[in-house]
Amino acid sequence: MTEGSTVTLEKINHYLDVTRRAREKATPLVKAGSPEDAHLSVMLRMADDYASDAAHFARNGDLVRAFGAINYAHAWIDAGVKIGWLDGHGDDVLFTLP
């Protein structure tokens, strides 16, 4: 096996932290009450739910599912930045900027 090809609890915790920081940093750019705002709320709820699932899986030793879930969580946030509904504040480490 090559280095980095193993899912470890340390790796899961790292990505949980990265996703937490991304969730805290990204701020809405859409008008409150707009259709986009409603869609963004769904996207962020999905991110939060997947992050919660990832933490649950990690606590229970299911590291593969935890790794998958945390990547989904971060992808929802990153998608919000990419389509312009969230401001990533120029952070090209936490986000794939437009």
Protein backbone atom coordinates (compact mmCIF):
# COMPACT_ATOMS: atom_id res chain seq x y z
CA MET A 1 0.00 0.00 0.00
CA THR A 2 1.14 3.51 -0.72
CA GLU A 3 1.13 6.24 1.88
CA GLY A 4 -2.19 8.05 1.93
CA SER A 5 -4.17 5.08 0.64
CA THR A 6 -5.41 4.07 4.09
CA VAL A 7 -8.39 5.68 5.80
CA THR A 8 -7.44 6.43 9.39
CA LEU A 9 -9.25 8.08 12.26
CA GLU A 10 -6.64 10.87 12.14
CA LYS A 11 -7.45 11.48 8.47
CA ILE A 12 -11.19 11.54 9.19
CA ASN A 13 -10.68 13.99 12.06
CA HIS A 14 -8.56 16.20 9.79
CA TYR A 15 -11.28 16.35 7.15
CA LEU A 16 -14.00 16.89 9.77
CA ASP A 17 -11.99 19.92 10.92
CA VAL A 18 -11.45 21.20 7.36
CA THR A 19 -15.16 20.91 6.63
CA ARG A 20 -16.08 22.60 9.93
CA ARG A 21 -13.79 25.52 9.05
CA ALA A 22 -15.27 25.75 5.55
CA ARG A 23 -18.82 25.72 6.95
CA GLU A 24 -17.94 28.52 9.38
CA LYS A 25 -16.14 30.63 6.78
CA ALA A 26 -18.60 30.45 3.89
CA THR A 27 -21.21 33.19 4.09
CA PRO A 28 -24.41 33.53 2.06
CA LEU A 29 -24.46 35.79 -0.99
CA VAL A 30 -28.12 35.24 -1.88
CA LYS A 31 -30.99 37.49 -0.89
CA ALA A 32 -32.86 36.29 2.19
CA GLY A 33 -36.23 34.84 1.25
CA SER A 34 -35.27 34.31 -2.40
CA PRO A 35 -35.67 30.95 -4.16
CA GLU A 36 -31.86 30.66 -4.12
CA ASP A 37 -31.89 31.18 -0.35
CA ALA A 38 -34.29 28.26 0.05
CA HIS A 39 -32.08 26.07 -2.12
CA LEU A 40 -28.96 27.17 -0.24
CA SER A 41 -30.61 26.25 3.05
CA VAL A 42 -31.18 22.75 1.71
CA MET A 43 -27.56 22.53 0.56
CA LEU A 44 -26.22 23.62 3.93
CA ARG A 45 -28.54 21.27 5.78
CA MET A 46 -27.22 18.44 3.60
CA ALA A 47 -23.65 19.49 4.46
CA ASP A 48 -24.46 19.54 8.17
CA ASP A 49 -26.24 16.17 8.01
CA TYR A 50 -23.39 14.50 6.14
CA ALA A 51 -20.83 15.97 8.57
CA SER A 52 -22.89 14.63 11.47
CA ASP A 53 -23.10 11.24 9.78
CA ALA A 54 -19.33 11.24 9.25
CA ALA A 55 -18.70 11.91 12.94
CA HIS A 56 -21.18 9.16 13.87
CA PHE A 57 -19.54 6.64 11.54
CA ALA A 58 -16.09 7.57 12.85
CA ARG A 59 -17.19 7.12 16.48
CA ASN A 60 -18.46 3.67 15.57
CA GLY A 61 -15.29 2.65 13.75
CA ASP A 62 -16.79 2.71 10.23
CA LEU A 63 -14.00 4.79 8.74
CA VAL A 64 -14.82 4.12 5.10
CA ARG A 65 -18.36 5.46 5.47
CA ALA A 66 -17.05 8.34 7.59
CA PHE A 67 -14.59 9.28 4.85
CA GLY A 68 -17.29 9.16 2.20
CA ALA A 69 -19.73 11.19 4.28
CA ILE A 70 -17.26 13.96 5.13
CA ASN A 71 -16.35 14.32 1.48
CA TYR A 72 -20.04 14.68 0.58
CA ALA A 73 -20.44 17.27 3.35
CA HIS A 74 -17.58 19.37 2.07
CA ALA A 75 -18.77 19.02 -1.53
CA TRP A 76 -22.13 20.59 -0.67
CA ILE A 77 -20.38 23.63 0.83
CA ASP A 78 -17.87 23.84 -2.01
CA ALA A 79 -20.70 23.66 -4.56
CA GLY A 80 -22.38 26.64 -2.88
CA VAL A 81 -19.19 28.64 -3.28
CA LYS A 82 -18.65 27.48 -6.85
CA ILE A 83 -22.14 28.53 -8.02
CA GLY A 84 -21.89 31.87 -6.24
CA TRP A 85 -24.42 31.38 -3.48
CA LEU A 86 -21.72 31.35 -0.78
CA ASP A 87 -18.70 33.60 -0.40
CA GLY A 88 -15.50 31.64 0.16
CA HIS A 89 -13.64 34.87 0.95
CA GLY A 90 -10.86 34.05 -1.49
CA ASP A 91 -9.79 30.93 0.43
CA ASP A 92 -8.47 28.55 -2.20
CA VAL A 93 -7.47 26.00 0.42
CA LEU A 94 -10.96 25.40 1.79
CA PHE A 95 -12.81 25.95 -1.49
CA THR A 96 -12.60 25.43 -5.22
CA LEU A 97 -13.03 29.06 -6.17
CA PRO A 98 -14.89 30.15 -9.30
